[in-house]
N, C-alpha and C. Protein backbone atom coordinates (compact mmCIF):
# COMPACT_ATOMS: atom_id res chain seq x y z
N MET A 1 -28.50 18.08 60.98
CA MET A 1 -27.34 18.95 60.87
C MET A 1 -27.73 20.17 60.05
N ILE A 2 -27.44 21.34 60.57
CA ILE A 2 -27.73 22.57 59.86
C ILE A 2 -26.52 22.96 59.03
N GLN A 3 -26.77 23.24 57.77
CA GLN A 3 -25.68 23.65 56.89
C GLN A 3 -25.79 25.13 56.60
N ASP A 4 -24.64 25.76 56.37
CA ASP A 4 -24.61 27.15 55.95
C ASP A 4 -25.35 27.31 54.65
N LYS A 5 -26.05 28.41 54.52
CA LYS A 5 -26.72 28.67 53.24
C LYS A 5 -25.69 29.03 52.18
N GLN A 6 -26.07 28.85 50.94
CA GLN A 6 -25.22 29.27 49.84
C GLN A 6 -25.23 30.79 49.78
N ALA A 7 -24.09 31.39 49.50
CA ALA A 7 -24.00 32.84 49.40
C ALA A 7 -24.77 33.33 48.18
N THR A 8 -25.62 34.31 48.39
CA THR A 8 -26.36 34.90 47.29
C THR A 8 -25.49 35.95 46.61
N GLU A 9 -25.97 36.46 45.50
CA GLU A 9 -25.25 37.54 44.80
C GLU A 9 -25.08 38.73 45.74
N GLU A 10 -26.11 39.02 46.50
CA GLU A 10 -26.04 40.14 47.45
C GLU A 10 -24.99 39.86 48.53
N ASP A 11 -24.97 38.63 49.02
CA ASP A 11 -23.96 38.25 50.02
C ASP A 11 -22.56 38.45 49.46
N LEU A 12 -22.35 37.97 48.24
CA LEU A 12 -21.03 38.09 47.60
C LEU A 12 -20.64 39.56 47.40
N LYS A 13 -21.61 40.38 47.04
CA LYS A 13 -21.36 41.81 46.86
C LYS A 13 -20.94 42.44 48.19
N LEU A 14 -21.67 42.11 49.25
CA LEU A 14 -21.34 42.65 50.57
C LEU A 14 -19.97 42.14 51.05
N MET A 15 -19.69 40.88 50.78
CA MET A 15 -18.38 40.34 51.16
C MET A 15 -17.26 41.11 50.46
N SER A 16 -17.46 41.38 49.19
CA SER A 16 -16.46 42.13 48.43
C SER A 16 -16.32 43.55 48.97
N GLN A 17 -17.45 44.17 49.25
CA GLN A 17 -17.46 45.54 49.76
C GLN A 17 -16.70 45.66 51.08
N PHE A 18 -16.88 44.69 51.97
CA PHE A 18 -16.28 44.76 53.29
C PHE A 18 -14.97 43.98 53.41
N GLY A 19 -14.54 43.32 52.33
CA GLY A 19 -13.30 42.55 52.39
C GLY A 19 -13.42 41.28 53.21
N ILE A 20 -14.61 40.70 53.21
CA ILE A 20 -14.87 39.47 53.97
C ILE A 20 -14.52 38.27 53.08
N THR A 21 -13.76 37.33 53.64
CA THR A 21 -13.41 36.11 52.92
C THR A 21 -13.96 34.90 53.68
N HIS A 22 -13.94 33.77 53.02
CA HIS A 22 -14.36 32.53 53.69
C HIS A 22 -13.63 31.35 53.07
N GLU A 23 -13.68 30.24 53.76
CA GLU A 23 -13.13 29.01 53.23
C GLU A 23 -14.02 27.87 53.66
N ARG A 24 -14.04 26.84 52.87
CA ARG A 24 -14.82 25.64 53.21
C ARG A 24 -14.03 24.82 54.22
N LYS A 25 -14.76 24.18 55.10
CA LYS A 25 -14.14 23.36 56.13
C LYS A 25 -14.70 21.94 56.02
N SER A 26 -13.82 20.97 55.96
CA SER A 26 -14.27 19.58 55.92
C SER A 26 -14.59 19.11 57.32
N VAL A 27 -15.67 18.36 57.42
CA VAL A 27 -16.06 17.75 58.68
C VAL A 27 -16.26 16.27 58.40
N TYR A 28 -15.74 15.43 59.27
CA TYR A 28 -15.78 13.98 59.08
C TYR A 28 -16.69 13.37 60.13
N PHE A 29 -17.46 12.36 59.74
CA PHE A 29 -18.40 11.70 60.65
C PHE A 29 -18.11 10.20 60.67
N TYR A 30 -18.15 9.64 61.88
CA TYR A 30 -18.01 8.19 62.04
C TYR A 30 -18.86 7.77 63.23
N GLN A 31 -19.80 6.89 62.99
CA GLN A 31 -20.68 6.33 64.03
C GLN A 31 -21.27 7.41 64.93
N GLY A 32 -21.80 8.45 64.33
CA GLY A 32 -22.47 9.49 65.10
C GLY A 32 -21.55 10.52 65.73
N HIS A 33 -20.26 10.35 65.57
CA HIS A 33 -19.31 11.33 66.11
C HIS A 33 -18.84 12.24 64.98
N LYS A 34 -18.51 13.45 65.32
CA LYS A 34 -18.11 14.46 64.35
C LYS A 34 -16.66 14.85 64.62
N TYR A 35 -15.86 14.89 63.56
CA TYR A 35 -14.43 15.20 63.70
C TYR A 35 -14.02 16.31 62.74
N ASP A 36 -13.19 17.21 63.22
CA ASP A 36 -12.64 18.26 62.37
C ASP A 36 -11.44 17.75 61.58
N LYS A 37 -10.79 16.74 62.11
CA LYS A 37 -9.57 16.21 61.47
C LYS A 37 -9.79 14.77 61.04
N LEU A 38 -9.41 14.47 59.81
CA LEU A 38 -9.54 13.10 59.29
C LEU A 38 -8.74 12.13 60.14
N ASP A 39 -7.55 12.52 60.58
CA ASP A 39 -6.72 11.64 61.41
C ASP A 39 -7.46 11.20 62.68
N ASP A 40 -8.20 12.13 63.29
CA ASP A 40 -8.95 11.78 64.49
C ASP A 40 -10.06 10.77 64.20
N ALA A 41 -10.76 10.96 63.07
CA ALA A 41 -11.82 10.02 62.70
C ALA A 41 -11.25 8.63 62.44
N ILE A 42 -10.12 8.58 61.74
CA ILE A 42 -9.48 7.29 61.45
C ILE A 42 -8.99 6.64 62.73
N ARG A 43 -8.39 7.41 63.60
CA ARG A 43 -7.90 6.86 64.87
C ARG A 43 -9.05 6.26 65.68
N TYR A 44 -10.17 6.97 65.75
CA TYR A 44 -11.31 6.45 66.49
C TYR A 44 -11.88 5.20 65.83
N ALA A 45 -11.98 5.22 64.50
CA ALA A 45 -12.50 4.05 63.78
C ALA A 45 -11.62 2.83 64.03
N ARG A 46 -10.32 3.01 63.96
CA ARG A 46 -9.39 1.89 64.23
C ARG A 46 -9.53 1.39 65.65
N HIS A 47 -9.62 2.32 66.59
CA HIS A 47 -9.77 1.95 68.00
C HIS A 47 -11.09 1.19 68.20
N SER A 48 -12.14 1.69 67.58
CA SER A 48 -13.45 1.06 67.69
C SER A 48 -13.44 -0.34 67.10
N LEU A 49 -12.82 -0.49 65.93
CA LEU A 49 -12.74 -1.79 65.27
C LEU A 49 -11.91 -2.77 66.11
N ALA A 50 -10.79 -2.31 66.65
CA ALA A 50 -9.95 -3.18 67.48
C ALA A 50 -10.71 -3.61 68.74
N HIS A 51 -11.46 -2.70 69.33
CA HIS A 51 -12.23 -3.02 70.53
C HIS A 51 -13.33 -4.03 70.19
N THR A 52 -13.98 -3.87 69.05
CA THR A 52 -15.03 -4.79 68.62
C THR A 52 -14.46 -6.18 68.38
N LYS A 53 -13.30 -6.25 67.73
CA LYS A 53 -12.67 -7.55 67.46
C LYS A 53 -12.26 -8.24 68.75
N SER A 54 -11.69 -7.48 69.70
CA SER A 54 -11.24 -8.10 70.95
C SER A 54 -12.44 -8.54 71.78
N SER A 55 -13.54 -7.82 71.74
CA SER A 55 -14.76 -8.22 72.45
C SER A 55 -15.34 -9.49 71.84
N ALA A 56 -15.31 -9.57 70.51
CA ALA A 56 -15.87 -10.74 69.82
C ALA A 56 -15.03 -11.98 70.12
N SER A 57 -13.71 -11.85 70.12
CA SER A 57 -12.86 -13.01 70.38
C SER A 57 -12.95 -13.42 71.84
N ALA A 58 -13.16 -12.49 72.74
CA ALA A 58 -13.29 -12.84 74.16
C ALA A 58 -14.58 -13.58 74.41
N SER A 59 -15.64 -13.24 73.66
CA SER A 59 -16.91 -13.90 73.87
C SER A 59 -16.95 -15.31 73.27
N THR A 60 -16.04 -15.62 72.38
CA THR A 60 -16.01 -16.97 71.78
C THR A 60 -15.10 -17.91 72.55
N GLU A 61 -14.40 -17.38 73.51
CA GLU A 61 -13.48 -18.24 74.29
C GLU A 61 -14.19 -18.96 75.40
């Protein structure tokens, strides 16, 4: 995964000069999948866990 570089003093100066702003964005990962929203990651994790449990119980029957 490539991450953004940290802004240097020069970068910050240029951002100020041009009125450029930024914000940090959270990214969530679950089992190799990438999610922009925590709710989506949780929903997939729950779905995955439920599917795993139902597969395990079906194989023991």
